[in-house]
Amino acid sequence: MKTMLERLLLVAIPFALAACGGGTSANQTPPAGESASEKADDHDHDADHHNAEHEPLTAPISGLSASEAMVGLTSDPIGQVMLTDGPNGFLIRVDIRGLTEGFHGIHLHSVGDCSDHENGFKASGGHVNPGGQAHGLMNMDGFELGDLPNIYAHHGGHARAEFFVKGAQIDDVRNEDGFAVVVHANEDDHQTQPIGNSGPRVGCAAFH
């Protein structure tokens, strides 16, 4: 029988929203080759993104098992993390603001403690890794249970994403110390030990 780690499949469904942009005013002449109606459509599209970006994160239709705020390095909330157990695995849904533009590593850490924000959330421990695997979704000797695909933040610093962890339940990553969802400053290369060169921890959500 295959172990849980052998059955683990991570599928990221990023839906980070583009930051809103400006449109052409009524008194400005549209660029050559672009009609006024096309510019109006672009403005409406930007407005839709602006409205969607400010909508609160909603729970998956399948329900909600746990939800915690993510805090940043000043201890202020910067987002929300929602978890939903299911018959074939569990969902992780995140909404995070205040990031730098680009990809960011995000992992499950082994201790549900985000109290040391001034120290870079080191209290959250290492990655959840009950099987003692190497780090990295693209590592032939990996991967850890706590490894997840990167998230992408647009130039406004806002990212939303959903991950599905197949073959595991929330209790498989939770121990007596709880666990944490931690986002890093840089992109995870999914190979380099021990954290894929993903840099300092910049956000943390603790679960117990």
Protein backbone atom coordinates (compact mmCIF):
# COMPACT_ATOMS: atom_id res chain seq x y z
CA MET A 1 0.00 0.00 0.00
CA LYS A 2 1.30 3.41 -0.87
CA THR A 3 2.09 5.74 1.97
CA MET A 4 0.31 9.02 2.41
CA LEU A 5 3.39 10.93 1.20
CA GLU A 6 3.58 8.80 -1.96
CA ARG A 7 -0.02 9.71 -2.73
CA LEU A 8 0.42 13.37 -1.98
CA LEU A 9 -0.31 15.61 -4.90
CA LEU A 10 -0.25 19.37 -4.73
CA VAL A 11 -2.27 21.32 -7.21
CA ALA A 12 -2.16 25.08 -7.08
CA ILE A 13 -4.96 27.06 -8.56
CA PRO A 14 -3.66 30.59 -8.40
CA PHE A 15 -6.18 33.31 -8.81
CA ALA A 16 -4.15 36.32 -7.63
CA LEU A 17 -5.96 39.41 -8.83
CA ALA A 18 -4.37 42.13 -10.93
CA ALA A 19 -4.05 45.52 -9.29
CA CYS A 20 -6.32 48.25 -10.57
CA GLY A 21 -5.02 50.73 -13.13
CA GLY A 22 -6.03 54.13 -14.40
CA GLY A 23 -8.15 54.82 -17.47
CA THR A 24 -8.32 57.61 -20.00
CA SER A 25 -10.38 60.60 -18.92
CA ALA A 26 -13.26 61.88 -21.00
CA ASN A 27 -11.14 64.81 -22.23
CA GLN A 28 -8.18 62.74 -23.37
CA THR A 29 -7.79 61.47 -26.93
CA PRO A 30 -7.36 57.69 -27.16
CA PRO A 31 -4.10 56.51 -28.76
CA ALA A 32 -4.10 55.92 -32.50
CA GLY A 33 -5.65 52.61 -33.46
CA GLU A 34 -7.73 52.38 -30.27
CA SER A 35 -11.29 53.64 -30.20
CA ALA A 36 -12.96 55.48 -27.34
CA SER A 37 -15.27 52.50 -26.79
CA GLU A 38 -12.26 50.18 -26.47
CA LYS A 39 -10.74 52.50 -23.88
CA ALA A 40 -14.04 52.53 -22.01
CA ASP A 41 -14.08 48.74 -22.01
CA ASP A 42 -10.55 48.71 -20.59
CA HIS A 43 -11.58 51.14 -17.86
CA ASP A 44 -14.58 48.97 -16.95
CA HIS A 45 -12.31 45.92 -16.84
CA ASP A 46 -9.93 47.72 -14.46
CA ALA A 47 -12.87 48.74 -12.29
CA ASP A 48 -14.03 45.11 -12.11
CA HIS A 49 -10.56 44.06 -10.93
CA HIS A 50 -10.53 46.87 -8.37
CA ASN A 51 -13.87 45.75 -6.95
CA ALA A 52 -12.89 42.08 -6.91
CA GLU A 53 -9.58 42.82 -5.19
CA HIS A 54 -11.41 44.38 -2.26
CA GLU A 55 -13.92 41.56 -1.82
CA PRO A 56 -13.31 39.54 1.37
CA LEU A 57 -12.01 36.02 1.03
CA THR A 58 -14.87 33.53 1.03
CA ALA A 59 -14.84 29.93 2.22
CA PRO A 60 -14.94 27.11 -0.34
CA ILE A 61 -18.42 25.93 -1.29
CA SER A 62 -17.56 22.59 0.31
CA GLY A 63 -17.32 24.25 3.73
CA LEU A 64 -14.76 25.52 6.20
CA SER A 65 -12.77 23.56 8.79
CA ALA A 66 -10.50 26.31 10.14
CA SER A 67 -9.60 29.92 9.43
CA GLU A 68 -6.87 32.16 10.85
CA ALA A 69 -5.47 35.61 10.15
CA MET A 70 -1.99 35.90 8.68
CA VAL A 71 0.19 38.50 10.38
CA GLY A 72 3.17 40.37 9.00
CA LEU A 73 6.48 41.44 10.49
CA THR A 74 4.81 44.29 12.39
CA SER A 75 2.26 41.85 13.89
CA ASP A 76 -0.53 43.54 11.93
CA PRO A 77 -2.89 41.33 9.91
CA ILE A 78 -1.93 41.05 6.24
CA GLY A 79 -4.32 38.34 5.13
CA GLN A 80 -6.42 35.27 5.80
CA VAL A 81 -5.87 31.52 5.49
CA MET A 82 -8.79 29.07 5.24
CA LEU A 83 -8.60 25.27 5.46
CA THR A 84 -11.23 22.73 4.40
CA ASP A 85 -11.00 18.99 4.99
CA GLY A 86 -12.45 16.68 2.34
CA PRO A 87 -12.70 12.97 1.58
CA ASN A 88 -9.63 13.00 -0.70
CA GLY A 89 -7.48 15.67 0.90
CA PHE A 90 -7.76 19.24 2.10
CA LEU A 91 -7.95 22.71 0.57
CA ILE A 92 -5.85 25.71 1.54
CA ARG A 93 -7.20 29.08 0.44
CA VAL A 94 -5.11 32.22 1.04
CA ASP A 95 -5.55 35.96 0.61
CA ILE A 96 -2.43 38.03 1.37
CA ARG A 97 -1.61 41.72 0.93
CA GLY A 98 1.47 43.86 1.34
CA LEU A 99 3.84 41.54 -0.53
CA THR A 100 6.42 42.58 -3.08
CA GLU A 101 5.53 41.92 -6.69
CA GLY A 102 6.45 38.42 -7.91
CA PHE A 103 6.41 34.82 -6.74
CA HIS A 104 6.68 33.90 -3.08
CA GLY A 105 7.36 30.58 -1.40
CA ILE A 106 4.65 29.35 0.96
CA HIS A 107 4.92 26.33 3.23
CA LEU A 108 3.32 24.47 6.12
CA HIS A 109 5.49 24.83 9.22
CA SER A 110 5.54 22.45 12.15
CA VAL A 111 4.71 24.82 15.05
CA GLY A 112 1.60 26.96 15.37
CA ASP A 113 3.44 29.97 16.80
CA CYS A 114 3.61 33.33 15.03
CA SER A 115 4.32 35.38 18.15
CA ASP A 116 7.92 36.30 17.31
CA HIS A 117 7.18 38.59 14.38
CA GLU A 118 10.12 40.81 15.31
CA ASN A 119 12.37 37.76 14.92
CA GLY A 120 11.02 36.67 11.54
CA PHE A 121 8.60 33.96 12.74
CA LYS A 122 11.35 31.49 13.60
CA ALA A 123 9.11 30.11 16.35
CA SER A 124 7.02 28.43 13.64
CA GLY A 125 9.77 25.83 13.25
CA GLY A 126 10.74 23.95 10.11
CA HIS A 127 8.52 22.47 7.43
CA VAL A 128 5.97 19.79 8.22
CA ASN A 129 7.88 16.68 7.18
CA PRO A 130 6.83 13.49 8.98
CA GLY A 131 8.45 11.30 6.31
CA GLY A 132 11.86 12.94 6.51
CA GLN A 133 11.85 13.82 2.81
CA ALA A 134 14.08 16.35 1.05
CA HIS A 135 12.60 19.76 0.31
CA GLY A 136 11.22 20.62 -3.09
CA LEU A 137 8.33 19.70 -5.35
CA MET A 138 10.84 19.34 -8.22
CA ASN A 139 13.42 17.43 -6.16
CA MET A 140 13.88 13.77 -7.10
CA ASP A 141 14.44 13.02 -3.39
CA GLY A 142 11.45 15.10 -2.24
CA PHE A 143 9.05 16.34 -1.31
CA GLU A 144 8.01 17.37 2.18
CA LEU A 145 4.38 17.32 3.26
CA GLY A 146 4.74 21.04 4.00
CA ASP A 147 5.89 21.95 0.48
CA LEU A 148 3.44 23.97 -1.63
CA PRO A 149 3.60 25.74 -5.01
CA ASN A 150 4.53 29.42 -5.07
CA ILE A 151 1.96 32.18 -4.95
CA TYR A 152 2.14 35.30 -7.13
CA ALA A 153 1.59 38.86 -5.91
CA HIS A 154 0.83 41.54 -8.47
CA HIS A 155 2.37 45.02 -8.31
CA GLY A 156 -0.26 46.05 -5.77
CA GLY A 157 1.10 43.40 -3.40
CA HIS A 158 -2.10 41.32 -3.38
CA ALA A 159 -2.17 37.55 -3.88
CA ARG A 160 -4.94 34.97 -3.72
CA ALA A 161 -4.44 31.25 -4.28
CA GLU A 162 -5.95 27.87 -3.54
CA PHE A 163 -4.03 24.63 -3.03
CA PHE A 164 -5.31 21.06 -2.81
CA VAL A 165 -3.26 18.62 -0.75
CA LYS A 166 -4.29 15.18 -1.94
CA GLY A 167 -4.16 12.14 0.32
CA ALA A 168 -3.81 14.07 3.59
CA GLN A 169 -6.10 15.57 6.21
CA ILE A 170 -5.54 18.66 8.31
CA ASP A 171 -4.77 16.45 11.31
CA ASP A 172 -1.90 14.89 9.34
CA VAL A 173 -0.03 18.21 9.51
CA ARG A 174 -1.19 19.13 13.01
CA ASN A 175 0.64 17.92 16.11
CA GLU A 176 0.51 18.94 19.77
CA ASP A 177 2.21 22.21 18.81
CA GLY A 178 -0.21 22.96 15.98
CA PHE A 179 1.18 24.17 12.67
CA ALA A 180 1.54 27.38 10.68
CA VAL A 181 1.15 28.59 7.11
CA VAL A 182 4.17 30.76 6.35
CA VAL A 183 4.90 32.95 3.32
CA HIS A 184 8.46 33.91 2.35
CA ALA A 185 10.02 36.99 0.76
CA ASN A 186 11.30 35.18 -2.34
CA GLU A 187 10.33 32.48 -4.81
CA ASP A 188 10.84 28.83 -3.86
CA ASP A 189 12.98 27.09 -6.49
CA HIS A 190 11.58 23.71 -5.31
CA GLN A 191 15.02 22.08 -5.19
CA THR A 192 17.56 23.86 -2.99
CA GLN A 193 17.82 22.70 0.63
CA PRO A 194 16.34 23.41 3.05
CA ILE A 195 13.75 25.97 1.84
CA GLY A 196 14.35 26.46 -1.88
CA ASN A 197 16.14 29.80 -1.46
CA SER A 198 12.81 31.37 -0.59
CA GLY A 199 14.35 33.82 1.86
CA PRO A 200 13.05 35.33 5.10
CA ARG A 201 9.59 34.63 6.46
CA VAL A 202 7.32 37.65 5.98
CA GLY A 203 3.90 36.33 6.97
CA CYS A 204 2.55 33.70 9.34
CA ALA A 205 -0.84 32.18 10.23
CA ALA A 206 -0.93 29.86 13.28
CA PHE A 207 -3.35 26.91 13.62
CA HIS A 208 -3.94 24.76 16.71
